[in-house]
């Protein structure tokens, strides 16, 4: 069973590369210029000074569209959109009052996780495009049943193996957005390339597929 969502515009989220690189601020600024809704700044095990440097290089007007994973003090310092907790159990930092999003790996946890979050990343929808060990966690029937029973809705965003070819699947299931990572970054070698026109051109195609 498919749930048609033709009248609803999904959110387009990009997750950063896990490492910092030379052209990153220019690419991210270009993505915002082309209509990126939300950027998730995800740099595991990195020093906060590098995140600060990147944020200072990005125009202030885009800060309100950026969500940070870790180094949560950056949210207030740079007036960012919010913070992201990478599982459904991590408590919100003491004293934090802003917007929170979370990741979730099990359909049965979605209902409770949505209560705690502005939106939720449901992980491993499809096989990862960057990590061969990260496989899809759900069958098509499981996702369709979750959609039918309202677990998947506009507050749940599809993460894992998302590309142009399966955006329509996510939309028909009723996901409120898609999280793009490998499908975009695989088109630019951060160690060897400076020309990112192909990456931006592909992003434009993704944006059109979202509708």
N, C-alpha and C. Protein backbone atom coordinates (compact mmCIF):
# COMPACT_ATOMS: atom_id res chain seq x y z
N UNK A 1 0.84 -1.20 0.00
CA UNK A 1 0.00 0.00 0.00
C UNK A 1 0.88 1.25 0.00
N UNK A 2 0.63 2.17 -0.89
CA UNK A 2 1.36 3.41 -0.94
C UNK A 2 0.46 4.56 -0.50
N UNK A 3 1.05 5.48 0.25
CA UNK A 3 0.31 6.65 0.71
C UNK A 3 0.77 7.83 -0.12
N UNK A 4 -0.09 8.33 -0.99
CA UNK A 4 0.30 9.38 -1.92
C UNK A 4 0.42 10.72 -1.21
N UNK A 5 1.55 11.40 -1.46
CA UNK A 5 1.82 12.69 -0.81
C UNK A 5 2.13 13.77 -1.86
N UNK A 6 1.47 13.70 -3.02
CA UNK A 6 1.81 14.61 -4.10
C UNK A 6 1.64 16.08 -3.72
N UNK A 7 0.75 16.39 -2.80
CA UNK A 7 0.48 17.78 -2.46
C UNK A 7 1.38 18.30 -1.34
N UNK A 8 2.32 17.50 -0.90
CA UNK A 8 3.16 17.89 0.22
C UNK A 8 4.61 18.01 -0.24
N UNK A 9 5.23 19.15 0.05
CA UNK A 9 6.64 19.36 -0.29
C UNK A 9 7.53 18.84 0.82
N UNK A 10 8.33 17.86 0.51
CA UNK A 10 9.22 17.28 1.52
C UNK A 10 10.38 18.23 1.81
N UNK A 11 10.95 18.07 3.00
CA UNK A 11 12.15 18.80 3.38
C UNK A 11 13.38 18.09 2.79
N UNK A 12 14.35 18.88 2.40
CA UNK A 12 15.60 18.35 1.89
C UNK A 12 16.72 18.68 2.87
N UNK A 13 17.29 17.64 3.46
CA UNK A 13 18.35 17.79 4.45
C UNK A 13 19.63 17.19 3.88
N UNK A 14 20.73 17.88 4.07
CA UNK A 14 22.04 17.33 3.70
C UNK A 14 22.85 17.13 4.98
N UNK A 15 23.46 15.96 5.09
CA UNK A 15 24.39 15.66 6.18
C UNK A 15 25.80 15.92 5.67
N UNK A 16 26.61 16.62 6.45
CA UNK A 16 27.97 16.93 6.02
C UNK A 16 28.82 15.67 5.93
N UNK A 17 29.95 15.81 5.23
CA UNK A 17 30.99 14.80 5.30
C UNK A 17 31.47 14.71 6.75
N UNK A 18 31.94 13.53 7.19
CA UNK A 18 32.40 13.41 8.58
C UNK A 18 33.70 14.17 8.87
N UNK A 19 34.44 14.53 7.81
CA UNK A 19 35.68 15.27 8.00
C UNK A 19 35.57 16.65 7.34
N UNK A 20 36.36 17.58 7.84
CA UNK A 20 36.41 18.92 7.26
C UNK A 20 37.32 18.92 6.04
N UNK A 21 37.06 19.81 5.07
CA UNK A 21 37.91 19.88 3.90
C UNK A 21 37.92 21.30 3.34
N UNK A 22 38.85 21.58 2.44
CA UNK A 22 39.17 22.94 2.03
C UNK A 22 37.99 23.69 1.42
N UNK A 23 37.27 23.06 0.50
CA UNK A 23 36.22 23.76 -0.23
C UNK A 23 34.86 23.70 0.46
N UNK A 24 34.81 23.20 1.68
CA UNK A 24 33.52 22.88 2.30
C UNK A 24 32.62 24.10 2.46
N UNK A 25 33.15 25.20 2.93
CA UNK A 25 32.28 26.38 3.15
C UNK A 25 31.70 26.89 1.84
N UNK A 26 32.48 26.83 0.76
CA UNK A 26 31.99 27.29 -0.54
C UNK A 26 30.88 26.37 -1.04
N UNK A 27 31.07 25.05 -0.89
CA UNK A 27 30.05 24.10 -1.34
C UNK A 27 28.77 24.27 -0.53
N UNK A 28 28.89 24.37 0.79
CA UNK A 28 27.70 24.48 1.63
C UNK A 28 26.94 25.78 1.34
N UNK A 29 27.67 26.86 1.13
CA UNK A 29 27.01 28.12 0.77
C UNK A 29 26.25 27.99 -0.54
N UNK A 30 26.86 27.30 -1.50
CA UNK A 30 26.20 27.09 -2.80
C UNK A 30 24.95 26.24 -2.65
N UNK A 31 25.01 25.22 -1.78
CA UNK A 31 23.84 24.38 -1.55
C UNK A 31 22.69 25.20 -0.96
N UNK A 32 23.00 26.07 -0.02
CA UNK A 32 21.96 26.94 0.55
C UNK A 32 21.38 27.85 -0.53
N UNK A 33 22.25 28.38 -1.36
CA UNK A 33 21.79 29.26 -2.44
C UNK A 33 20.84 28.53 -3.39
N UNK A 34 21.07 27.23 -3.55
CA UNK A 34 20.25 26.43 -4.46
C UNK A 34 18.99 25.87 -3.80
N UNK A 35 18.76 26.22 -2.53
CA UNK A 35 17.50 25.84 -1.91
C UNK A 35 17.56 24.77 -0.83
N UNK A 36 18.75 24.49 -0.29
CA UNK A 36 18.84 23.52 0.81
C UNK A 36 18.02 23.98 2.00
N UNK A 37 17.18 23.10 2.53
CA UNK A 37 16.31 23.45 3.66
C UNK A 37 17.07 23.43 4.99
N UNK A 38 17.77 22.32 5.25
CA UNK A 38 18.44 22.14 6.53
C UNK A 38 19.78 21.44 6.30
N UNK A 39 20.82 21.92 6.97
CA UNK A 39 22.12 21.25 6.97
C UNK A 39 22.38 20.67 8.34
N UNK A 40 22.77 19.39 8.39
CA UNK A 40 23.19 18.78 9.65
C UNK A 40 24.71 18.72 9.68
N UNK A 41 25.28 19.46 10.61
CA UNK A 41 26.73 19.52 10.79
C UNK A 41 27.14 18.35 11.68
N UNK A 42 27.64 17.30 11.03
CA UNK A 42 27.95 16.04 11.73
C UNK A 42 29.41 15.70 11.48
N UNK A 43 30.25 15.97 12.48
CA UNK A 43 31.69 15.73 12.39
C UNK A 43 32.15 14.94 13.61
N UNK A 44 31.89 13.63 13.61
CA UNK A 44 32.19 12.83 14.81
C UNK A 44 33.65 12.93 15.24
N UNK A 45 33.86 13.05 16.54
CA UNK A 45 35.20 13.02 17.14
C UNK A 45 36.10 14.16 16.67
N UNK A 46 35.51 15.26 16.23
CA UNK A 46 36.31 16.40 15.77
C UNK A 46 36.39 17.46 16.86
N UNK A 47 37.41 18.30 16.76
CA UNK A 47 37.56 19.41 17.70
C UNK A 47 36.54 20.49 17.37
N UNK A 48 35.94 21.10 18.39
CA UNK A 48 34.95 22.15 18.13
C UNK A 48 35.53 23.36 17.41
N UNK A 49 36.84 23.56 17.51
CA UNK A 49 37.44 24.75 16.87
C UNK A 49 37.26 24.70 15.35
N UNK A 50 37.25 23.48 14.78
CA UNK A 50 37.07 23.36 13.33
C UNK A 50 35.63 23.67 12.93
N UNK A 51 34.68 23.25 13.77
CA UNK A 51 33.28 23.56 13.51
C UNK A 51 33.06 25.07 13.61
N UNK A 52 33.69 25.70 14.59
CA UNK A 52 33.57 27.15 14.73
C UNK A 52 34.12 27.86 13.50
N UNK A 53 35.26 27.38 13.02
CA UNK A 53 35.87 28.01 11.84
C UNK A 53 34.93 27.90 10.63
N UNK A 54 34.35 26.71 10.45
CA UNK A 54 33.44 26.53 9.32
C UNK A 54 32.23 27.45 9.45
N UNK A 55 31.68 27.55 10.64
CA UNK A 55 30.50 28.40 10.83
C UNK A 55 30.82 29.87 10.59
N UNK A 56 32.01 30.30 10.95
CA UNK A 56 32.36 31.70 10.72
C UNK A 56 32.55 31.99 9.23
N UNK A 57 32.86 30.96 8.44
CA UNK A 57 33.04 31.14 7.00
C UNK A 57 31.72 31.15 6.24
N UNK A 58 30.67 30.63 6.87
CA UNK A 58 29.35 30.60 6.23
C UNK A 58 28.60 31.89 6.53
N UNK A 59 27.89 32.45 5.54
CA UNK A 59 27.12 33.67 5.79
C UNK A 59 26.13 33.49 6.95
N UNK A 60 26.01 34.53 7.76
CA UNK A 60 25.13 34.48 8.94
C UNK A 60 23.71 34.09 8.58
N UNK A 61 23.26 34.47 7.40
CA UNK A 61 21.88 34.22 7.01
C UNK A 61 21.54 32.72 6.94
N UNK A 62 22.56 31.87 6.84
CA UNK A 62 22.33 30.43 6.74
C UNK A 62 22.40 29.72 8.09
N UNK A 63 22.86 30.40 9.12
CA UNK A 63 23.05 29.75 10.42
C UNK A 63 21.74 29.19 10.97
N UNK A 64 20.64 29.86 10.69
CA UNK A 64 19.35 29.42 11.24
C UNK A 64 18.84 28.16 10.55
N UNK A 65 19.57 27.65 9.55
CA UNK A 65 19.20 26.42 8.87
C UNK A 65 20.16 25.28 9.20
N UNK A 66 21.01 25.48 10.20
CA UNK A 66 22.04 24.49 10.54
C UNK A 66 21.74 23.86 11.90
N UNK A 67 21.84 22.52 11.94
CA UNK A 67 21.65 21.74 13.16
C UNK A 67 22.97 21.04 13.47
N UNK A 68 23.38 21.07 14.74
CA UNK A 68 24.67 20.47 15.12
C UNK A 68 24.49 19.14 15.85
N UNK A 69 25.38 18.21 15.52
CA UNK A 69 25.53 16.95 16.25
C UNK A 69 26.75 17.11 17.14
N UNK A 70 26.58 17.27 18.43
CA UNK A 70 27.72 17.49 19.32
C UNK A 70 28.10 18.96 19.38
N UNK A 71 29.00 19.30 20.36
CA UNK A 71 29.43 20.69 20.58
C UNK A 71 28.20 21.60 20.61
N UNK A 72 27.26 21.26 21.47
CA UNK A 72 25.95 21.89 21.44
C UNK A 72 25.97 23.38 21.79
N UNK A 73 27.05 23.84 22.45
CA UNK A 73 27.13 25.26 22.77
C UNK A 73 27.13 26.13 21.51
N UNK A 74 27.50 25.51 20.37
CA UNK A 74 27.53 26.25 19.11
C UNK A 74 26.14 26.75 18.72
N UNK A 75 25.12 26.04 19.17
CA UNK A 75 23.75 26.41 18.81
C UNK A 75 23.45 27.84 19.24
N UNK A 76 23.76 28.18 20.48
CA UNK A 76 23.49 29.53 20.97
C UNK A 76 24.51 30.53 20.44
N UNK A 77 25.75 30.11 20.38
CA UNK A 77 26.82 31.03 19.99
C UNK A 77 26.64 31.55 18.56
N UNK A 78 26.13 30.67 17.69
CA UNK A 78 25.98 31.04 16.28
C UNK A 78 24.50 31.14 15.85
N UNK A 79 23.60 31.08 16.83
CA UNK A 79 22.16 31.20 16.56
C UNK A 79 21.71 30.17 15.51
N UNK A 80 22.05 28.91 15.77
CA UNK A 80 21.72 27.83 14.84
C UNK A 80 20.29 27.36 15.04
N UNK A 81 19.84 26.51 14.14
CA UNK A 81 18.46 26.02 14.17
C UNK A 81 18.19 25.14 15.38
N UNK A 82 19.13 24.25 15.72
CA UNK A 82 18.90 23.34 16.84
C UNK A 82 20.03 22.35 17.01
N UNK A 83 19.78 21.34 17.82
CA UNK A 83 20.76 20.28 18.06
C UNK A 83 20.15 18.93 17.69
N UNK A 84 21.01 17.97 17.38
CA UNK A 84 20.55 16.63 17.03
C UNK A 84 21.19 15.61 17.96
N UNK A 85 20.37 14.74 18.51
CA UNK A 85 20.83 13.63 19.36
C UNK A 85 20.80 12.36 18.54
N UNK A 86 21.90 11.61 18.53
CA UNK A 86 22.07 10.52 17.58
C UNK A 86 21.38 9.21 17.97
N UNK A 87 20.57 9.23 19.03
CA UNK A 87 19.72 8.08 19.35
C UNK A 87 18.49 8.58 20.10
N UNK A 88 17.59 7.65 20.40
CA UNK A 88 16.33 8.06 21.02
C UNK A 88 16.40 8.15 22.53
N UNK A 89 17.55 7.76 23.13
CA UNK A 89 17.63 7.68 24.59
C UNK A 89 18.48 8.76 25.24
N UNK A 90 19.37 9.39 24.49
CA UNK A 90 20.23 10.42 25.06
C UNK A 90 19.40 11.59 25.57
N UNK A 91 19.60 11.99 26.83
CA UNK A 91 18.80 13.11 27.36
C UNK A 91 19.21 14.44 26.74
N UNK A 92 18.26 15.36 26.70
CA UNK A 92 18.56 16.72 26.25
C UNK A 92 19.52 17.35 27.26
N UNK A 93 20.54 18.08 26.81
CA UNK A 93 21.49 18.70 27.75
C UNK A 93 20.78 19.57 28.78
N UNK A 94 21.30 19.56 29.99
CA UNK A 94 20.72 20.36 31.08
C UNK A 94 20.64 21.83 30.69
N UNK A 95 19.46 22.40 30.88
CA UNK A 95 19.27 23.81 30.63
C UNK A 95 18.98 24.18 29.19
N UNK A 96 19.03 23.19 28.30
CA UNK A 96 18.79 23.49 26.89
C UNK A 96 17.31 23.69 26.62
N UNK A 97 16.95 24.75 25.91
CA UNK A 97 15.54 25.08 25.68
C UNK A 97 15.16 25.11 24.19
N UNK A 98 16.12 24.92 23.29
CA UNK A 98 15.82 25.07 21.87
C UNK A 98 15.27 23.82 21.22
N UNK A 99 15.31 23.83 19.89
CA UNK A 99 14.77 22.71 19.12
C UNK A 99 15.71 21.51 19.14
N UNK A 100 15.09 20.31 19.20
CA UNK A 100 15.85 19.06 19.26
C UNK A 100 15.31 18.11 18.21
N UNK A 101 16.22 17.50 17.47
CA UNK A 101 15.85 16.38 16.59
C UNK A 101 16.65 15.16 17.05
N UNK A 102 16.18 13.98 16.64
CA UNK A 102 16.82 12.73 17.08
C UNK A 102 16.87 11.73 15.94
N UNK A 103 17.75 10.74 16.11
CA UNK A 103 17.77 9.58 15.23
C UNK A 103 17.10 8.41 15.92
N UNK A 104 16.47 7.57 15.11
CA UNK A 104 15.75 6.40 15.63
C UNK A 104 16.02 5.23 14.69
N UNK A 105 16.21 4.04 15.24
CA UNK A 105 16.53 2.88 14.41
C UNK A 105 15.41 1.84 14.38
N UNK A 106 14.39 1.99 15.22
CA UNK A 106 13.34 0.97 15.28
C UNK A 106 11.97 1.60 15.13
N UNK A 107 11.13 0.99 14.31
CA UNK A 107 9.80 1.51 14.08
C UNK A 107 8.98 1.59 15.37
N UNK A 108 9.18 0.63 16.24
CA UNK A 108 8.39 0.60 17.47
C UNK A 108 8.76 1.74 18.43
N UNK A 109 9.89 2.40 18.18
CA UNK A 109 10.29 3.53 19.03
C UNK A 109 9.88 4.88 18.45
N UNK A 110 9.33 4.87 17.25
CA UNK A 110 9.05 6.13 16.57
C UNK A 110 8.04 7.01 17.31
N UNK A 111 6.98 6.41 17.80
CA UNK A 111 5.91 7.19 18.43
C UNK A 111 6.45 8.00 19.60
N UNK A 112 7.21 7.36 20.48
CA UNK A 112 7.76 8.05 21.64
C UNK A 112 8.84 9.04 21.24
N UNK A 113 9.68 8.66 20.26
CA UNK A 113 10.76 9.55 19.83
C UNK A 113 10.20 10.82 19.21
N UNK A 114 9.11 10.71 18.48
CA UNK A 114 8.49 11.90 17.88
C UNK A 114 8.01 12.87 18.95
N UNK A 115 7.55 12.34 20.07
CA UNK A 115 7.08 13.21 21.15
C UNK A 115 8.20 14.08 21.70
N UNK A 116 9.42 13.58 21.62
CA UNK A 116 10.57 14.26 22.21
C UNK A 116 11.29 15.17 21.22
N UNK A 117 10.83 15.25 19.98
CA UNK A 117 11.63 15.83 18.92
C UNK A 117 10.81 16.71 17.98
N UNK A 118 11.49 17.68 17.38
CA UNK A 118 10.85 18.45 16.31
C UNK A 118 10.67 17.56 15.09
N UNK A 119 11.69 16.74 14.80
CA UNK A 119 11.60 15.73 13.75
C UNK A 119 12.57 14.61 14.08
N UNK A 120 12.38 13.48 13.40
CA UNK A 120 13.16 12.27 13.70
C UNK A 120 13.76 11.73 12.41
N UNK A 121 15.04 11.35 12.46
CA UNK A 121 15.65 10.61 11.37
C UNK A 121 15.41 9.12 11.60
N UNK A 122 14.70 8.47 10.70
CA UNK A 122 14.58 7.02 10.77
C UNK A 122 15.71 6.44 9.93
N UNK A 123 16.61 5.70 10.61
CA UNK A 123 17.86 5.31 9.98
C UNK A 123 17.77 4.00 9.20
N UNK A 124 18.65 3.92 8.20
CA UNK A 124 18.85 2.71 7.40
C UNK A 124 17.60 2.30 6.63
N UNK A 125 17.00 3.27 5.96
CA UNK A 125 15.84 2.97 5.11
C UNK A 125 16.28 2.09 3.93
N UNK A 126 17.40 2.46 3.32
CA UNK A 126 17.99 1.67 2.24
C UNK A 126 19.45 1.38 2.59
N UNK A 127 20.09 0.52 1.81
CA UNK A 127 21.51 0.23 2.02
C UNK A 127 22.32 1.51 1.86
N UNK A 128 23.29 1.72 2.76
CA UNK A 128 24.12 2.91 2.71
C UNK A 128 24.91 2.99 1.41
N UNK A 129 25.09 4.22 0.92
CA UNK A 129 25.88 4.46 -0.29
C UNK A 129 27.34 4.70 0.03
N UNK A 130 27.68 4.79 1.32
CA UNK A 130 29.06 5.08 1.71
C UNK A 130 29.67 4.01 2.61
N UNK A 131 28.84 3.21 3.28
CA UNK A 131 29.34 2.19 4.20
C UNK A 131 28.70 0.85 3.85
N UNK A 132 29.50 -0.07 3.31
CA UNK A 132 28.96 -1.35 2.84
C UNK A 132 28.38 -2.18 3.98
N UNK A 133 28.76 -1.87 5.21
CA UNK A 133 28.27 -2.64 6.35
C UNK A 133 26.92 -2.15 6.87
N UNK A 134 26.46 -1.01 6.39
CA UNK A 134 25.17 -0.47 6.83
C UNK A 134 24.09 -0.84 5.82
N UNK A 135 23.32 -1.86 6.17
CA UNK A 135 22.27 -2.35 5.28
C UNK A 135 20.90 -1.85 5.73
N UNK A 136 19.95 -1.94 4.83
CA UNK A 136 18.58 -1.55 5.16
C UNK A 136 18.06 -2.34 6.35
N UNK A 137 17.38 -1.64 7.26
CA UNK A 137 16.86 -2.28 8.47
C UNK A 137 15.41 -2.73 8.34
N UNK A 138 14.75 -2.38 7.24
CA UNK A 138 13.32 -2.62 7.13
C UNK A 138 12.96 -3.23 5.78
N UNK A 139 11.91 -4.05 5.79
CA UNK A 139 11.36 -4.54 4.53
C UNK A 139 10.36 -3.51 4.00
N UNK A 140 10.02 -3.63 2.74
CA UNK A 140 9.03 -2.73 2.15
C UNK A 140 7.70 -2.84 2.88
N UNK A 141 7.31 -4.06 3.26
CA UNK A 141 6.04 -4.25 3.97
C UNK A 141 6.05 -3.58 5.34
N UNK A 142 7.19 -3.65 6.04
CA UNK A 142 7.28 -3.01 7.35
C UNK A 142 7.11 -1.50 7.24
N UNK A 143 7.73 -0.92 6.22
CA UNK A 143 7.61 0.53 6.04
C UNK A 143 6.19 0.92 5.63
N UNK A 144 5.58 0.13 4.78
CA UNK A 144 4.21 0.42 4.35
C UNK A 144 3.24 0.32 5.51
N UNK A 145 3.43 -0.67 6.38
CA UNK A 145 2.57 -0.81 7.55
C UNK A 145 2.76 0.36 8.52
N UNK A 146 4.02 0.78 8.68
CA UNK A 146 4.29 1.92 9.57
C UNK A 146 3.64 3.19 9.03
N UNK A 147 3.66 3.33 7.71
CA UNK A 147 3.00 4.48 7.09
C UNK A 147 1.48 4.41 7.28
N UNK A 148 0.93 3.24 7.05
CA UNK A 148 -0.52 3.04 7.16
C UNK A 148 -1.02 3.37 8.55
N UNK A 149 -0.20 3.05 9.57
CA UNK A 149 -0.62 3.26 10.96
C UNK A 149 -0.15 4.60 11.51
N UNK A 150 0.39 5.47 10.66
CA UNK A 150 0.71 6.83 11.08
C UNK A 150 2.03 6.99 11.81
N UNK A 151 2.84 5.93 11.87
CA UNK A 151 4.14 6.07 12.52
C UNK A 151 5.07 6.93 11.67
N UNK A 152 5.02 6.70 10.36
CA UNK A 152 5.77 7.54 9.43
C UNK A 152 4.86 8.69 9.00
N UNK A 153 5.34 9.90 9.25
CA UNK A 153 4.54 11.08 8.89
C UNK A 153 5.49 12.24 8.59
N UNK A 154 4.97 13.46 8.58
CA UNK A 154 5.77 14.62 8.19
C UNK A 154 6.89 14.93 9.17
N UNK A 155 6.84 14.34 10.36
CA UNK A 155 7.88 14.58 11.36
C UNK A 155 8.99 13.53 11.31
N UNK A 156 8.90 12.62 10.36
CA UNK A 156 9.90 11.55 10.23
C UNK A 156 10.60 11.70 8.88
N UNK A 157 11.94 11.74 8.92
CA UNK A 157 12.74 11.93 7.71
C UNK A 157 13.53 10.66 7.42
N UNK A 158 13.59 10.29 6.15
CA UNK A 158 14.25 9.05 5.74
C UNK A 158 15.76 9.25 5.63
N UNK A 159 16.51 8.38 6.31
CA UNK A 159 17.98 8.45 6.29
C UNK A 159 18.54 7.07 5.94
N UNK A 160 19.50 7.06 5.03
CA UNK A 160 20.17 5.80 4.69
C UNK A 160 19.95 5.41 3.25
N UNK A 161 20.99 5.60 2.42
CA UNK A 161 20.90 5.19 1.03
C UNK A 161 19.98 6.03 0.17
N UNK A 162 19.65 7.23 0.63
CA UNK A 162 18.71 8.06 -0.13
C UNK A 162 19.38 8.64 -1.37
N UNK A 163 18.70 8.52 -2.50
CA UNK A 163 19.17 9.11 -3.75
C UNK A 163 17.97 9.50 -4.62
N UNK A 164 18.25 10.03 -5.79
CA UNK A 164 17.18 10.49 -6.68
C UNK A 164 16.20 9.37 -6.99
N UNK A 165 16.70 8.15 -7.15
CA UNK A 165 15.85 7.04 -7.58
C UNK A 165 14.84 6.62 -6.51
N UNK A 166 15.17 6.80 -5.23
CA UNK A 166 14.23 6.32 -4.21
C UNK A 166 13.52 7.44 -3.43
N UNK A 167 13.71 8.69 -3.85
CA UNK A 167 12.99 9.79 -3.21
C UNK A 167 11.48 9.60 -3.36
N UNK A 168 11.05 9.14 -4.53
CA UNK A 168 9.62 8.91 -4.75
C UNK A 168 9.07 7.85 -3.79
N UNK A 169 9.86 6.83 -3.51
CA UNK A 169 9.43 5.79 -2.56
C UNK A 169 9.19 6.43 -1.19
N UNK A 170 10.15 7.25 -0.75
CA UNK A 170 10.02 7.91 0.55
C UNK A 170 8.81 8.84 0.58
N UNK A 171 8.58 9.53 -0.52
CA UNK A 171 7.43 10.45 -0.58
C UNK A 171 6.12 9.69 -0.51
N UNK A 172 6.03 8.59 -1.25
CA UNK A 172 4.80 7.79 -1.25
C UNK A 172 4.52 7.18 0.13
N UNK A 173 5.58 6.92 0.89
CA UNK A 173 5.41 6.37 2.23
C UNK A 173 5.01 7.43 3.25
N UNK A 174 5.09 8.70 2.85
CA UNK A 174 4.67 9.77 3.75
C UNK A 174 5.76 10.39 4.59
N UNK A 175 7.04 10.10 4.28
CA UNK A 175 8.12 10.74 5.01
C UNK A 175 8.07 12.25 4.79
N UNK A 176 8.37 13.00 5.84
CA UNK A 176 8.34 14.44 5.75
C UNK A 176 9.57 15.04 5.11
N UNK A 177 10.60 14.23 4.94
CA UNK A 177 11.83 14.72 4.34
C UNK A 177 12.79 13.58 4.08
N UNK A 178 13.85 13.89 3.37
CA UNK A 178 14.91 12.91 3.11
C UNK A 178 16.25 13.52 3.50
N UNK A 179 17.14 12.65 3.97
CA UNK A 179 18.49 13.07 4.37
C UNK A 179 19.46 12.54 3.33
N UNK A 180 20.13 13.46 2.64
CA UNK A 180 21.06 13.09 1.58
C UNK A 180 22.49 13.19 2.10
N UNK A 181 23.27 12.15 1.82
CA UNK A 181 24.67 12.17 2.22
C UNK A 181 25.53 11.63 1.08
N UNK A 182 25.67 10.31 1.03
CA UNK A 182 26.56 9.70 0.05
C UNK A 182 26.22 10.02 -1.39
N UNK A 183 24.94 10.10 -1.73
CA UNK A 183 24.54 10.36 -3.11
C UNK A 183 25.08 11.70 -3.60
N UNK A 184 25.29 12.61 -2.68
CA UNK A 184 25.83 13.93 -3.03
C UNK A 184 27.36 13.93 -2.95
N UNK A 185 27.89 13.53 -1.78
CA UNK A 185 29.33 13.66 -1.54
C UNK A 185 30.16 12.68 -2.36
N UNK A 186 29.57 11.60 -2.82
CA UNK A 186 30.31 10.67 -3.67
C UNK A 186 30.68 11.29 -5.02
N UNK A 187 30.12 12.46 -5.31
CA UNK A 187 30.38 13.13 -6.59
C UNK A 187 31.49 14.18 -6.49
N UNK A 188 32.19 14.19 -5.36
CA UNK A 188 33.26 15.16 -5.17
C UNK A 188 34.34 14.53 -4.29
N UNK A 189 35.55 14.47 -4.79
CA UNK A 189 36.68 13.91 -4.04
C UNK A 189 37.30 15.04 -3.23
N UNK A 190 37.10 15.00 -1.92
CA UNK A 190 37.55 16.11 -1.07
C UNK A 190 39.07 16.22 -1.02
N UNK A 191 39.77 15.16 -1.40
CA UNK A 191 41.23 15.17 -1.32
C UNK A 191 41.90 15.59 -2.63
N UNK A 192 41.16 15.51 -3.74
CA UNK A 192 41.79 15.74 -5.04
C UNK A 192 41.13 16.81 -5.89
N UNK A 193 39.89 17.15 -5.61
CA UNK A 193 39.15 18.05 -6.50
C UNK A 193 38.92 19.42 -5.88
N UNK A 194 38.83 20.42 -6.74
CA UNK A 194 38.44 21.76 -6.32
C UNK A 194 37.17 22.21 -7.04
N UNK A 195 36.90 21.62 -8.18
CA UNK A 195 35.73 21.97 -8.98
C UNK A 195 34.53 21.14 -8.51
N UNK A 196 33.54 21.81 -7.94
CA UNK A 196 32.38 21.09 -7.38
C UNK A 196 31.10 21.33 -8.18
N UNK A 197 31.25 21.71 -9.45
CA UNK A 197 30.08 21.97 -10.28
C UNK A 197 29.20 20.75 -10.44
N UNK A 198 29.81 19.56 -10.57
CA UNK A 198 29.03 18.33 -10.73
C UNK A 198 28.19 18.05 -9.50
N UNK A 199 28.75 18.33 -8.33
CA UNK A 199 28.01 18.12 -7.07
C UNK A 199 26.80 19.06 -7.01
N UNK A 200 27.00 20.33 -7.34
CA UNK A 200 25.90 21.28 -7.29
C UNK A 200 24.83 20.93 -8.33
N UNK A 201 25.27 20.51 -9.52
CA UNK A 201 24.31 20.12 -10.57
C UNK A 201 23.47 18.94 -10.10
N UNK A 202 24.10 17.99 -9.40
CA UNK A 202 23.34 16.84 -8.91
C UNK A 202 22.37 17.27 -7.81
N UNK A 203 22.80 18.19 -6.97
CA UNK A 203 21.90 18.69 -5.93
C UNK A 203 20.66 19.31 -6.55
N UNK A 204 20.84 20.05 -7.64
CA UNK A 204 19.70 20.66 -8.32
C UNK A 204 18.72 19.59 -8.81
N UNK A 205 19.25 18.46 -9.27
CA UNK A 205 18.38 17.35 -9.70
C UNK A 205 17.62 16.76 -8.51
N UNK A 206 18.31 16.64 -7.40
CA UNK A 206 17.66 16.13 -6.18
C UNK A 206 16.52 17.08 -5.77
N UNK A 207 16.82 18.37 -5.82
CA UNK A 207 15.82 19.37 -5.43
C UNK A 207 14.57 19.27 -6.30
N UNK A 208 14.76 19.06 -7.60
CA UNK A 208 13.63 18.92 -8.50
C UNK A 208 12.85 17.63 -8.22
N UNK A 209 13.58 16.58 -7.84
CA UNK A 209 12.91 15.31 -7.53
C UNK A 209 12.05 15.43 -6.28
N UNK A 210 12.50 16.25 -5.35
CA UNK A 210 11.71 16.49 -4.13
C UNK A 210 10.39 17.16 -4.50
N UNK A 211 10.46 18.11 -5.46
CA UNK A 211 9.25 18.78 -5.94
C UNK A 211 8.88 20.01 -5.13
